[in-house]
């Protein structure tokens, strides 16, 4: 089973950045969906939430839920509409 990475990207108004950071801290502070390995909130020209999933099946199980995915909710709280990209991990290296 190959791991999968999802990326949610959106432009967030500077005055709403705190709302996104607060939502990320709140949503990641409790139970997470099965199969979620790690998640990052990144700031660059746009904001991005990058999440590593143990498999496509784990991602699809989360997406099959009736509930809006947490990352999408986080961006909505900050007044932004994210776009989703999904990547299969082809190779991996761990240093140290």
PDB file of N, CA and C in Angstrom:
ATOM      1  N   UNK A   1       0.845  -1.190   0.000  1.00  0.00           N
ATOM      2  CA  UNK A   1       0.000   0.000   0.000  1.00  0.00           C
ATOM      3  C   UNK A   1       0.882   1.242   0.000  1.00  0.00           C
ATOM      4  N   UNK A   2       0.657   2.121  -0.935  1.00  0.00           N
ATOM      5  CA  UNK A   2       1.426   3.353  -1.023  1.00  0.00           C
ATOM      6  C   UNK A   2       0.806   4.442  -0.166  1.00  0.00           C
ATOM      7  N   UNK A   3       1.674   5.214   0.479  1.00  0.00           N
ATOM      8  CA  UNK A   3       1.190   6.379   1.226  1.00  0.00           C
ATOM      9  C   UNK A   3       0.720   7.432   0.235  1.00  0.00           C
ATOM     10  N   UNK A   4      -0.106   8.348   0.733  1.00  0.00           N
ATOM     11  CA  UNK A   4      -0.680   9.410  -0.091  1.00  0.00           C
ATOM     12  C   UNK A   4      -0.512  10.727   0.653  1.00  0.00           C
ATOM     13  N   UNK A   5      -0.246  11.785  -0.116  1.00  0.00           N
ATOM     14  CA  UNK A   5      -0.160  13.131   0.447  1.00  0.00           C
ATOM     15  C   UNK A   5      -1.264  13.974  -0.170  1.00  0.00           C
ATOM     16  N   UNK A   6      -1.999  14.680   0.690  1.00  0.00           N
ATOM     17  CA  UNK A   6      -2.974  15.650   0.207  1.00  0.00           C
ATOM     18  C   UNK A   6      -2.447  17.048   0.485  1.00  0.00           C
ATOM     19  N   UNK A   7      -2.762  17.966  -0.428  1.00  0.00           N
ATOM     20  CA  UNK A   7      -2.410  19.370  -0.248  1.00  0.00           C
ATOM     21  C   UNK A   7      -3.647  20.211  -0.495  1.00  0.00           C
ATOM     22  N   UNK A   8      -4.002  20.994   0.497  1.00  0.00           N
ATOM     23  CA  UNK A   8      -5.068  21.982   0.352  1.00  0.00           C
ATOM     24  C   UNK A   8      -4.400  23.341   0.294  1.00  0.00           C
ATOM     25  N   UNK A   9      -4.678  24.112  -0.753  1.00  0.00           N
ATOM     26  CA  UNK A   9      -4.085  25.432  -0.967  1.00  0.00           C
ATOM     27  C   UNK A   9      -5.162  26.493  -1.023  1.00  0.00           C
ATOM     28  N   UNK A  10      -4.861  27.654  -0.429  1.00  0.00           N
ATOM     29  CA  UNK A  10      -5.790  28.784  -0.551  1.00  0.00           C
ATOM     30  C   UNK A  10      -5.077  30.077  -0.204  1.00  0.00           C
ATOM     31  N   UNK A  11      -5.583  31.151  -0.787  1.00  0.00           N
ATOM     32  CA  UNK A  11      -5.136  32.483  -0.390  1.00  0.00           C
ATOM     33  C   UNK A  11      -5.972  32.903   0.805  1.00  0.00           C
ATOM     34  N   UNK A  12      -5.289  33.318   1.859  1.00  0.00           N
ATOM     35  CA  UNK A  12      -5.949  33.748   3.086  1.00  0.00           C
ATOM     36  C   UNK A  12      -5.574  35.202   3.323  1.00  0.00           C
ATOM     37  N   UNK A  13      -6.573  36.042   3.546  1.00  0.00           N
ATOM     38  CA  UNK A  13      -6.309  37.456   3.829  1.00  0.00           C
ATOM     39  C   UNK A  13      -5.441  37.556   5.085  1.00  0.00           C
ATOM     40  N   UNK A  14      -4.462  38.453   5.083  1.00  0.00           N
ATOM     41  CA  UNK A  14      -3.567  38.570   6.241  1.00  0.00           C
ATOM     42  C   UNK A  14      -4.298  38.712   7.573  1.00  0.00           C
ATOM     43  N   UNK A  15      -5.390  39.438   7.580  1.00  0.00           N
ATOM     44  CA  UNK A  15      -6.126  39.639   8.830  1.00  0.00           C
ATOM     45  C   UNK A  15      -6.881  38.374   9.267  1.00  0.00           C
ATOM     46  N   UNK A  16      -6.962  37.346   8.406  1.00  0.00           N
ATOM     47  CA  UNK A  16      -7.649  36.086   8.743  1.00  0.00           C
ATOM     48  C   UNK A  16      -6.668  34.950   9.031  1.00  0.00           C
ATOM     49  N   UNK A  17      -5.365  35.215   8.916  1.00  0.00           N
ATOM     50  CA  UNK A  17      -4.358  34.172   9.136  1.00  0.00           C
ATOM     51  C   UNK A  17      -4.455  33.583  10.538  1.00  0.00           C
ATOM     52  N   UNK A  18      -4.702  34.416  11.531  1.00  0.00           N
ATOM     53  CA  UNK A  18      -4.828  33.929  12.905  1.00  0.00           C
ATOM     54  C   UNK A  18      -5.967  32.948  13.056  1.00  0.00           C
ATOM     55  N   UNK A  19      -7.067  33.178  12.334  1.00  0.00           N
ATOM     56  CA  UNK A  19      -8.210  32.260  12.393  1.00  0.00           C
ATOM     57  C   UNK A  19      -7.814  30.886  11.844  1.00  0.00           C
ATOM     58  N   UNK A  20      -7.015  30.872  10.778  1.00  0.00           N
ATOM     59  CA  UNK A  20      -6.566  29.601  10.208  1.00  0.00           C
ATOM     60  C   UNK A  20      -5.626  28.882  11.174  1.00  0.00           C
ATOM     61  N   UNK A  21      -4.686  29.615  11.743  1.00  0.00           N
ATOM     62  CA  UNK A  21      -3.755  29.008  12.703  1.00  0.00           C
ATOM     63  C   UNK A  21      -4.502  28.452  13.916  1.00  0.00           C
ATOM     64  N   UNK A  22      -5.473  29.201  14.418  1.00  0.00           N
ATOM     65  CA  UNK A  22      -6.265  28.733  15.564  1.00  0.00           C
ATOM     66  C   UNK A  22      -7.067  27.479  15.202  1.00  0.00           C
ATOM     67  N   UNK A  23      -7.668  27.476  14.005  1.00  0.00           N
ATOM     68  CA  UNK A  23      -8.458  26.322  13.575  1.00  0.00           C
ATOM     69  C   UNK A  23      -7.568  25.088  13.424  1.00  0.00           C
ATOM     70  N   UNK A  24      -6.371  25.267  12.875  1.00  0.00           N
ATOM     71  CA  UNK A  24      -5.443  24.140  12.715  1.00  0.00           C
ATOM     72  C   UNK A  24      -5.070  23.572  14.081  1.00  0.00           C
ATOM     73  N   UNK A  25      -4.736  24.439  15.029  1.00  0.00           N
ATOM     74  CA  UNK A  25      -4.365  23.986  16.381  1.00  0.00           C
ATOM     75  C   UNK A  25      -5.525  23.238  17.037  1.00  0.00           C
ATOM     76  N   UNK A  26      -6.731  23.758  16.899  1.00  0.00           N
ATOM     77  CA  UNK A  26      -7.902  23.133  17.510  1.00  0.00           C
ATOM     78  C   UNK A  26      -8.210  21.780  16.866  1.00  0.00           C
ATOM     79  N   UNK A  27      -8.237  21.752  15.536  1.00  0.00           N
ATOM     80  CA  UNK A  27      -8.627  20.532  14.816  1.00  0.00           C
ATOM     81  C   UNK A  27      -7.592  19.418  14.960  1.00  0.00           C
ATOM     82  N   UNK A  28      -6.331  19.765  15.138  1.00  0.00           N
ATOM     83  CA  UNK A  28      -5.285  18.745  15.250  1.00  0.00           C
ATOM     84  C   UNK A  28      -4.974  18.395  16.700  1.00  0.00           C
ATOM     85  N   UNK A  29      -5.634  19.055  17.629  1.00  0.00           N
ATOM     86  CA  UNK A  29      -5.378  18.814  19.040  1.00  0.00           C
ATOM     87  C   UNK A  29      -6.143  17.646  19.627  1.00  0.00           C
ATOM     88  N   UNK A  30      -7.059  17.086  18.868  1.00  0.00           N
ATOM     89  CA  UNK A  30      -7.873  15.991  19.384  1.00  0.00           C
ATOM     90  C   UNK A  30      -7.703  14.752  18.532  1.00  0.00           C
ATOM     91  N   UNK A  31      -8.689  13.882  18.560  1.00  0.00           N
ATOM     92  CA  UNK A  31      -8.611  12.661  17.745  1.00  0.00           C
ATOM     93  C   UNK A  31      -8.518  12.997  16.253  1.00  0.00           C
ATOM     94  N   UNK A  32      -7.745  12.223  15.537  1.00  0.00           N
ATOM     95  CA  UNK A  32      -7.601  12.414  14.091  1.00  0.00           C
ATOM     96  C   UNK A  32      -8.170  11.199  13.373  1.00  0.00           C
ATOM     97  N   UNK A  33      -8.481  11.341  12.100  1.00  0.00           N
ATOM     98  CA  UNK A  33      -9.038  10.208  11.354  1.00  0.00           C
ATOM     99  C   UNK A  33      -8.047   9.040  11.312  1.00  0.00           C
ATOM    100  N   UNK A  34      -8.539   7.820  11.299  1.00  0.00           N
ATOM    101  CA  UNK A  34      -7.644   6.665  11.152  1.00  0.00           C
ATOM    102  C   UNK A  34      -6.829   6.794   9.869  1.00  0.00           C
ATOM    103  N   UNK A  35      -5.545   6.489   9.968  1.00  0.00           N
ATOM    104  CA  UNK A  35      -4.685   6.521   8.790  1.00  0.00           C
ATOM    105  C   UNK A  35      -3.979   7.833   8.560  1.00  0.00           C
ATOM    106  N   UNK A  36      -4.332   8.893   9.299  1.00  0.00           N
ATOM    107  CA  UNK A  36      -3.627  10.167   9.168  1.00  0.00           C
ATOM    108  C   UNK A  36      -2.296  10.014   9.912  1.00  0.00           C
ATOM    109  N   UNK A  37      -1.180  10.221   9.203  1.00  0.00           N
ATOM    110  CA  UNK A  37       0.147  10.024   9.777  1.00  0.00           C
ATOM    111  C   UNK A  37       0.705  11.326  10.333  1.00  0.00           C
ATOM    112  N   UNK A  38       0.608  12.390   9.542  1.00  0.00           N
ATOM    113  CA  UNK A  38       1.189  13.677   9.934  1.00  0.00           C
ATOM    114  C   UNK A  38       0.568  14.774   9.095  1.00  0.00           C
ATOM    115  N   UNK A  39       0.483  15.983   9.677  1.00  0.00           N
ATOM    116  CA  UNK A  39      -0.098  17.109   8.953  1.00  0.00           C
ATOM    117  C   UNK A  39       0.674  18.377   9.283  1.00  0.00           C
ATOM    118  N   UNK A  40       0.815  19.249   8.292  1.00  0.00           N
ATOM    119  CA  UNK A  40       1.559  20.495   8.432  1.00  0.00           C
ATOM    120  C   UNK A  40       0.726  21.666   7.928  1.00  0.00           C
ATOM    121  N   UNK A  41       0.809  22.798   8.609  1.00  0.00           N
ATOM    122  CA  UNK A  41       0.246  24.058   8.120  1.00  0.00           C
ATOM    123  C   UNK A  41       1.416  24.889   7.621  1.00  0.00           C
ATOM    124  N   UNK A  42       1.399  25.246   6.341  1.00  0.00           N
ATOM    125  CA  UNK A  42       2.511  25.959   5.712  1.00  0.00           C
ATOM    126  C   UNK A  42       2.064  27.330   5.218  1.00  0.00           C
ATOM    127  N   UNK A  43       2.963  28.309   5.382  1.00  0.00           N
ATOM    128  CA  UNK A  43       2.682  29.658   4.880  1.00  0.00           C
ATOM    129  C   UNK A  43       3.740  30.018   3.855  1.00  0.00           C
ATOM    130  N   UNK A  44       3.303  30.459   2.706  1.00  0.00           N
ATOM    131  CA  UNK A  44       4.169  30.951   1.634  1.00  0.00           C
ATOM    132  C   UNK A  44       3.399  32.075   0.948  1.00  0.00           C
ATOM    133  N   UNK A  45       3.453  32.118  -0.369  1.00  0.00           N
ATOM    134  CA  UNK A  45       2.599  33.084  -1.083  1.00  0.00           C
ATOM    135  C   UNK A  45       1.138  32.767  -0.815  1.00  0.00           C
ATOM    136  N   UNK A  46       0.846  31.487  -0.663  1.00  0.00           N
ATOM    137  CA  UNK A  46      -0.484  31.033  -0.245  1.00  0.00           C
ATOM    138  C   UNK A  46      -0.296  30.191   1.015  1.00  0.00           C
ATOM    139  N   UNK A  47      -1.397  29.814   1.630  1.00  0.00           N
ATOM    140  CA  UNK A  47      -1.370  28.906   2.772  1.00  0.00           C
ATOM    141  C   UNK A  47      -1.641  27.506   2.261  1.00  0.00           C
ATOM    142  N   UNK A  48      -1.049  26.514   2.926  1.00  0.00           N
ATOM    143  CA  UNK A  48      -1.204  25.134   2.494  1.00  0.00           C
ATOM    144  C   UNK A  48      -1.271  24.220   3.718  1.00  0.00           C
ATOM    145  N   UNK A  49      -2.170  23.239   3.653  1.00  0.00           N
ATOM    146  CA  UNK A  49      -2.191  22.158   4.636  1.00  0.00           C
ATOM    147  C   UNK A  49      -1.773  20.898   3.887  1.00  0.00           C
ATOM    148  N   UNK A  50      -0.662  20.313   4.337  1.00  0.00           N
ATOM    149  CA  UNK A  50      -0.114  19.099   3.736  1.00  0.00           C
ATOM    150  C   UNK A  50      -0.308  17.964   4.733  1.00  0.00           C
ATOM    151  N   UNK A  51      -0.929  16.898   4.284  1.00  0.00           N
ATOM    152  CA  UNK A  51      -1.215  15.773   5.176  1.00  0.00           C
ATOM    153  C   UNK A  51      -0.739  14.477   4.542  1.00  0.00           C
ATOM    154  N   UNK A  52      -0.045  13.684   5.343  1.00  0.00           N
ATOM    155  CA  UNK A  52       0.428  12.372   4.925  1.00  0.00           C
ATOM    156  C   UNK A  52      -0.535  11.320   5.455  1.00  0.00           C
ATOM    157  N   UNK A  53      -1.016  10.461   4.541  1.00  0.00           N
ATOM    158  CA  UNK A  53      -1.950   9.379   4.869  1.00  0.00           C
ATOM    159  C   UNK A  53      -1.242   8.056   4.666  1.00  0.00           C
ATOM    160  N   UNK A  54      -1.566   7.060   5.494  1.00  0.00           N
ATOM    161  CA  UNK A  54      -0.885   5.769   5.379  1.00  0.00           C
ATOM    162  C   UNK A  54      -1.245   5.034   4.094  1.00  0.00           C
ATOM    163  N   UNK A  55      -2.408   5.371   3.491  1.00  0.00           N
ATOM    164  CA  UNK A  55      -2.823   4.725   2.244  1.00  0.00           C
ATOM    165  C   UNK A  55      -3.947   5.523   1.594  1.00  0.00           C
ATOM    166  N   UNK A  56      -4.157   5.256   0.322  1.00  0.00           N
ATOM    167  CA  UNK A  56      -5.291   5.871  -0.379  1.00  0.00           C
ATOM    168  C   UNK A  56      -6.605   5.408   0.244  1.00  0.00           C
ATOM    169  N   UNK A  57      -6.631   4.171   0.706  1.00  0.00           N
ATOM    170  CA  UNK A  57      -7.846   3.639   1.333  1.00  0.00           C
ATOM    171  C   UNK A  57      -8.202   4.439   2.585  1.00  0.00           C
ATOM    172  N   UNK A  58      -7.201   4.800   3.380  1.00  0.00           N
ATOM    173  CA  UNK A  58      -7.450   5.608   4.586  1.00  0.00           C
ATOM    174  C   UNK A  58      -8.001   6.977   4.197  1.00  0.00           C
ATOM    175  N   UNK A  59      -7.433   7.579   3.157  1.00  0.00           N
ATOM    176  CA  UNK A  59      -7.923   8.876   2.681  1.00  0.00           C
ATOM    177  C   UNK A  59      -9.362   8.746   2.183  1.00  0.00           C
ATOM    178  N   UNK A  60      -9.623   7.733   1.383  1.00  0.00           N
ATOM    179  CA  UNK A  60     -10.963   7.556   0.834  1.00  0.00           C
ATOM    180  C   UNK A  60     -11.988   7.279   1.933  1.00  0.00           C
ATOM    181  N   UNK A  61     -11.592   6.549   2.971  1.00  0.00           N
ATOM    182  CA  UNK A  61     -12.504   6.291   4.089  1.00  0.00           C
ATOM    183  C   UNK A  61     -12.887   7.597   4.771  1.00  0.00           C
ATOM    184  N   UNK A  62     -11.909   8.490   4.973  1.00  0.00           N
ATOM    185  CA  UNK A  62     -12.204   9.788   5.584  1.00  0.00           C
ATOM    186  C   UNK A  62     -13.118  10.600   4.667  1.00  0.00           C
ATOM    187  N   UNK A  63     -12.825  10.603   3.389  1.00  0.00           N
ATOM    188  CA  UNK A  63     -13.608  11.399   2.442  1.00  0.00           C
ATOM    189  C   UNK A  63     -15.023  10.851   2.243  1.00  0.00           C
ATOM    190  N   UNK A  64     -15.231   9.568   2.528  1.00  0.00           N
ATOM    191  CA  UNK A  64     -16.561   8.958   2.374  1.00  0.00           C
ATOM    192  C   UNK A  64     -17.525   9.416   3.460  1.00  0.00           C
ATOM    193  N   UNK A  65     -16.988  10.004   4.509  1.00  0.00           N
ATOM    194  CA  UNK A  65     -17.822  10.501   5.601  1.00  0.00           C
ATOM    195  C   UNK A  65     -18.724  11.623   5.100  1.00  0.00           C
ATOM    196  N   UNK A  66     -19.846  11.790   5.747  1.00  0.00           N
ATOM    197  CA  UNK A  66     -20.776  12.877   5.401  1.00  0.00           C
ATOM    198  C   UNK A  66     -20.216  14.229   5.824  1.00  0.00           C
ATOM    199  N   UNK A  67     -19.243  14.209   6.723  1.00  0.00           N
ATOM    200  CA  UNK A  67     -18.701  15.426   7.319  1.00  0.00           C
ATOM    201  C   UNK A  67     -17.732  16.134   6.368  1.00  0.00           C
ATOM    202  N   UNK A  68     -17.748  17.461   6.386  1.00  0.00           N
ATOM    203  CA  UNK A  68     -16.768  18.238   5.624  1.00  0.00           C
ATOM    204  C   UNK A  68     -15.388  17.955   6.196  1.00  0.00           C
ATOM    205  N   UNK A  69     -14.391  17.651   5.344  1.00  0.00           N
ATOM    206  CA  UNK A  69     -13.043  17.375   5.852  1.00  0.00           C
ATOM    207  C   UNK A  69     -12.515  18.535   6.702  1.00  0.00           C
ATOM    208  N   UNK A  70     -11.756  18.189   7.732  1.00  0.00           N
ATOM    209  CA  UNK A  70     -11.256  19.183   8.692  1.00  0.00           C
ATOM    210  C   UNK A  70     -10.461  20.291   8.009  1.00  0.00           C
ATOM    211  N   UNK A  71      -9.602  19.937   7.056  1.00  0.00           N
ATOM    212  CA  UNK A  71      -8.798  20.957   6.379  1.00  0.00           C
ATOM    213  C   UNK A  71      -9.652  21.977   5.644  1.00  0.00           C
ATOM    214  N   UNK A  72     -10.694  21.502   5.003  1.00  0.00           N
ATOM    215  CA  UNK A  72     -11.613  22.407   4.298  1.00  0.00           C
ATOM    216  C   UNK A  72     -12.311  23.314   5.307  1.00  0.00           C
ATOM    217  N   UNK A  73     -12.757  22.739   6.430  1.00  0.00           N
ATOM    218  CA  UNK A  73     -13.389  23.551   7.485  1.00  0.00           C
ATOM    219  C   UNK A  73     -12.437  24.632   7.993  1.00  0.00           C
ATOM    220  N   UNK A  74     -11.166  24.277   8.168  1.00  0.00           N
ATOM    221  CA  UNK A  74     -10.184  25.246   8.662  1.00  0.00           C
ATOM    222  C   UNK A  74     -10.074  26.439   7.723  1.00  0.00           C
ATOM    223  N   UNK A  75      -9.957  26.159   6.436  1.00  0.00           N
ATOM    224  CA  UNK A  75      -9.864  27.255   5.465  1.00  0.00           C
ATOM    225  C   UNK A  75     -11.157  28.064   5.419  1.00  0.00           C
ATOM    226  N   UNK A  76     -12.294  27.402   5.503  1.00  0.00           N
ATOM    227  CA  UNK A  76     -13.571  28.122   5.504  1.00  0.00           C
ATOM    228  C   UNK A  76     -13.646  29.078   6.690  1.00  0.00           C
ATOM    229  N   UNK A  77     -13.160  28.648   7.856  1.00  0.00           N
ATOM    230  CA  UNK A  77     -13.159  29.525   9.033  1.00  0.00           C
ATOM    231  C   UNK A  77     -12.322  30.778   8.796  1.00  0.00           C
ATOM    232  N   UNK A  78     -11.327  30.658   7.922  1.00  0.00           N
ATOM    233  CA  UNK A  78     -10.467  31.802   7.602  1.00  0.00           C
ATOM    234  C   UNK A  78     -10.976  32.557   6.381  1.00  0.00           C
ATOM    235  N   UNK A  79     -12.171  32.207   5.908  1.00  0.00           N
ATOM    236  CA  UNK A  79     -12.769  32.916   4.781  1.00  0.00           C
ATOM    237  C   UNK A  79     -12.166  32.569   3.436  1.00  0.00           C
ATOM    238  N   UNK A  80     -11.608  31.367   3.303  1.00  0.00           N
ATOM    239  CA  UNK A  80     -10.941  30.983   2.055  1.00  0.00           C
ATOM    240  C   UNK A  80     -11.519  29.671   1.525  1.00  0.00           C
ATOM    241  N   UNK A  81     -11.450  29.505   0.212  1.00  0.00           N
ATOM    242  CA  UNK A  81     -11.907  28.278  -0.444  1.00  0.00           C
ATOM    243  C   UNK A  81     -10.680  27.548  -0.984  1.00  0.00           C
ATOM    244  N   UNK A  82     -10.324  26.388  -0.390  1.00  0.00           N
ATOM    245  CA  UNK A  82      -9.105  25.695  -0.814  1.00  0.00           C
ATOM    246  C   UNK A  82      -9.302  24.848  -2.061  1.00  0.00           C
ATOM    247  N   UNK A  83      -8.174  24.568  -2.725  1.00  0.00           N
ATOM    248  CA  UNK A  83      -8.148  23.594  -3.803  1.00  0.00           C
ATOM    249  C   UNK A  83      -7.357  22.387  -3.314  1.00  0.00           C
ATOM    250  N   UNK A  84      -7.767  21.212  -3.737  1.00  0.00           N
ATOM    251  CA  UNK A  84      -7.175  19.959  -3.281  1.00  0.00           C
ATOM    252  C   UNK A  84      -6.321  19.341  -4.377  1.00  0.00           C
ATOM    253  N   UNK A  85      -5.127  18.868  -3.981  1.00  0.00           N
ATOM    254  CA  UNK A  85      -4.278  18.035  -4.835  1.00  0.00           C
ATOM    255  C   UNK A  85      -3.943  16.778  -4.049  1.00  0.00           C
ATOM    256  N   UNK A  86      -3.880  15.638  -4.749  1.00  0.00           N
ATOM    257  CA  UNK A  86      -3.563  14.363  -4.107  1.00  0.00           C
ATOM    258  C   UNK A  86      -2.388  13.741  -4.851  1.00  0.00           C
ATOM    259  N   UNK A  87      -1.398  13.274  -4.078  1.00  0.00           N
ATOM    260  CA  UNK A  87      -0.189  12.677  -4.643  1.00  0.00           C
ATOM    261  C   UNK A  87       0.079  11.321  -3.999  1.00  0.00           C
ATOM    262  N   UNK A  88       0.467  10.351  -4.803  1.00  0.00           N
ATOM    263  CA  UNK A  88       0.911   9.068  -4.282  1.00  0.00           C
ATOM    264  C   UNK A  88       2.408   9.157  -4.010  1.00  0.00           C
ATOM    265  N   UNK A  89       2.840   8.680  -2.848  1.00  0.00           N
ATOM    266  CA  UNK A  89       4.254   8.671  -2.518  1.00  0.00           C
ATOM    267  C   UNK A  89       4.891   7.511  -3.290  1.00  0.00           C
ATOM    268  N   UNK A  90       5.832   7.849  -4.173  1.00  0.00           N
ATOM    269  CA  UNK A  90       6.481   6.854  -5.009  1.00  0.00           C
ATOM    270  C   UNK A  90       7.753   6.337  -4.340  1.00  0.00           C
ATOM    271  N   UNK A  91       8.505   7.242  -3.750  1.00  0.00           N
ATOM    272  CA  UNK A  91       9.727   6.869  -3.026  1.00  0.00           C
ATOM    273  C   UNK A  91       9.837   7.742  -1.817  1.00  0.00           C
ATOM    274  N   UNK A  92      10.541   7.228  -0.801  1.00  0.00           N
ATOM    275  CA  UNK A  92      10.689   7.962   0.457  1.00  0.00           C
ATOM    276  C   UNK A  92      12.093   7.736   0.996  1.00  0.00           C
ATOM    277  N   UNK A  93      12.632   8.732   1.664  1.00  0.00           N
ATOM    278  CA  UNK A  93      13.905   8.575   2.359  1.00  0.00           C
ATOM    279  C   UNK A  93      13.767   9.218   3.728  1.00  0.00           C
ATOM    280  N   UNK A  94      14.306   8.562   4.730  1.00  0.00           N
ATOM    281  CA  UNK A  94      14.340   9.128   6.089  1.00  0.00           C
ATOM    282  C   UNK A  94      15.799   9.342   6.453  1.00  0.00           C
ATOM    283  N   UNK A  95      16.114  10.516   6.885  1.00  0.00           N
ATOM    284  CA  UNK A  95      17.473  10.866   7.270  1.00  0.00           C
ATOM    285  C   UNK A  95      17.531  10.932   8.792  1.00  0.00           C
ATOM    286  N   UNK A  96      18.484  10.268   9.375  1.00  0.00           N
ATOM    287  CA  UNK A  96      18.670  10.337  10.826  1.00  0.00           C
ATOM    288  C   UNK A  96      17.837   9.411  11.533  1.00  0.00           C
TER     289      UNK A  96
END
